[in-house]
Every structure is written in structure tokens, then in C-alpha cells.
Amino acid sequence: MLPYQSPKQIIEEVCKEVLLSFQMTDLEFNLLSLVIEPDLLDDNEKRLIHRLLYAMRKGWLTFVGISEEQIAPIKYRLERAIKS
């Protein structure tokens, strides 16, 4: 059985892994999709997501197992999350 991780821990871990590897896998993509609740994000989580979006806009990330059609909704959701 996997240990419980709070949404905050998942966001921090996934963002750190993606930003260090310059890759986003379908698993990381899905984890972020599931745990992001715009009204519940603190400043640190918003900052991490902002960095992730910046890397996406700059084209620094490679997407593994994610289609272009799947990228647009997560970008929209991430952008909405940091504007709340």
C-alpha cells in the first residue's frame, strides 16, 4: 500500500520532478489534474505551478505519453489555478 500524500505534497513533488527532468509523463499530468483545486492553493503551490507553466510556454518540457489535445486543458486548468 502506498503512503498517503496530501494534494500539497503531490503538487510539490510532481512540479519538482518535472522541472528537474524537463519531462512530464502522463502519470504526472494525471496527478496534477486530479489534485489541483484553485481555491485551496497556497502561495508556494501557485509559485510552483507558475514555474511549470513558464517552462511549458518556453518549450522546455518534453511530454511523454501525452497528446497535444491533452496538453491544452491542463494548461488552462493550471493557469486558472494561479489566477484564483
Protein backbone atom coordinates (compact mmCIF):
# COMPACT_ATOMS: atom_id res chain seq x y z
CA MET A 1 0.00 0.00 0.00
CA LEU A 2 1.31 3.46 -0.93
CA PRO A 3 1.66 6.06 1.81
CA TYR A 4 -0.92 8.83 1.85
CA GLN A 5 0.19 12.12 0.36
CA SER A 6 -1.74 15.33 0.64
CA PRO A 7 -2.57 17.28 -2.52
CA LYS A 8 0.04 19.84 -1.44
CA GLN A 9 2.74 17.13 -1.26
CA ILE A 10 1.73 15.75 -4.65
CA ILE A 11 1.84 19.18 -6.30
CA GLU A 12 5.25 19.92 -4.79
CA GLU A 13 6.68 16.53 -5.72
CA VAL A 14 5.32 16.47 -9.27
CA CYS A 15 6.38 20.05 -10.04
CA LYS A 16 9.85 19.42 -8.64
CA GLU A 17 10.27 16.21 -10.65
CA VAL A 18 9.00 17.76 -13.88
CA LEU A 19 11.14 20.88 -13.52
CA LEU A 20 14.28 18.87 -12.73
CA SER A 21 13.82 16.37 -15.56
CA PHE A 22 12.29 18.75 -18.14
CA GLN A 23 9.77 15.96 -18.87
CA MET A 24 6.15 15.46 -17.96
CA THR A 25 4.77 11.95 -18.13
CA ASP A 26 1.14 11.01 -18.45
CA LEU A 27 1.17 9.91 -14.79
CA GLU A 28 2.43 13.30 -13.58
CA PHE A 29 -0.03 15.01 -15.88
CA ASN A 30 -2.92 12.99 -14.44
CA LEU A 31 -1.81 13.50 -10.84
CA LEU A 32 -1.74 17.27 -11.28
CA SER A 33 -5.12 17.18 -12.99
CA LEU A 34 -6.63 15.36 -10.04
CA VAL A 35 -5.22 17.36 -7.14
CA ILE A 36 -5.36 20.97 -8.31
CA GLU A 37 -8.11 22.87 -6.55
CA PRO A 38 -7.64 26.57 -7.37
CA ASP A 39 -9.35 27.87 -4.23
CA LEU A 40 -7.14 25.76 -1.96
CA LEU A 41 -3.68 26.55 -3.35
CA ASP A 42 -1.25 28.47 -1.17
CA ASP A 43 1.33 30.94 -2.49
CA ASN A 44 4.09 28.32 -2.67
CA GLU A 45 1.96 25.96 -4.75
CA LYS A 46 0.94 28.81 -7.07
CA ARG A 47 4.61 29.72 -7.50
CA LEU A 48 5.50 26.12 -8.42
CA ILE A 49 2.65 25.92 -10.92
CA HIS A 50 3.68 29.29 -12.38
CA ARG A 51 7.21 27.92 -12.94
CA LEU A 52 5.77 24.83 -14.58
CA LEU A 53 3.61 26.95 -16.91
CA TYR A 54 6.60 29.13 -17.76
CA ALA A 55 8.61 26.04 -18.73
CA MET A 56 5.67 24.82 -20.83
CA ARG A 57 5.35 28.17 -22.64
CA LYS A 58 9.10 28.30 -23.32
CA GLY A 59 9.01 24.81 -24.81
CA TRP A 60 11.47 23.46 -22.25
CA LEU A 61 9.34 20.42 -21.36
CA THR A 62 9.07 17.17 -23.24
CA PHE A 63 5.71 15.43 -22.90
CA VAL A 64 5.87 11.65 -22.64
CA GLY A 65 2.68 9.75 -23.43
CA ILE A 66 0.62 12.95 -23.63
CA SER A 67 -1.03 14.15 -26.82
CA GLU A 68 -1.28 17.79 -27.87
CA GLU A 69 -5.03 17.59 -27.28
CA GLN A 70 -4.42 16.65 -23.63
CA ILE A 71 -1.94 19.46 -23.01
CA ALA A 72 -4.33 22.36 -23.69
CA PRO A 73 -6.84 21.50 -20.91
CA ILE A 74 -4.15 21.05 -18.26
CA LYS A 75 -2.52 24.36 -19.24
CA TYR A 76 -5.89 26.04 -18.93
CA ARG A 77 -6.52 24.44 -15.54
CA LEU A 78 -3.05 25.40 -14.29
CA GLU A 79 -3.47 28.98 -15.49
CA ARG A 80 -6.86 29.22 -13.78
CA ALA A 81 -5.37 27.80 -10.59
CA ILE A 82 -2.72 30.51 -10.22
CA LYS A 83 -5.14 33.35 -11.02
CA SER A 84 -7.54 32.45 -8.22
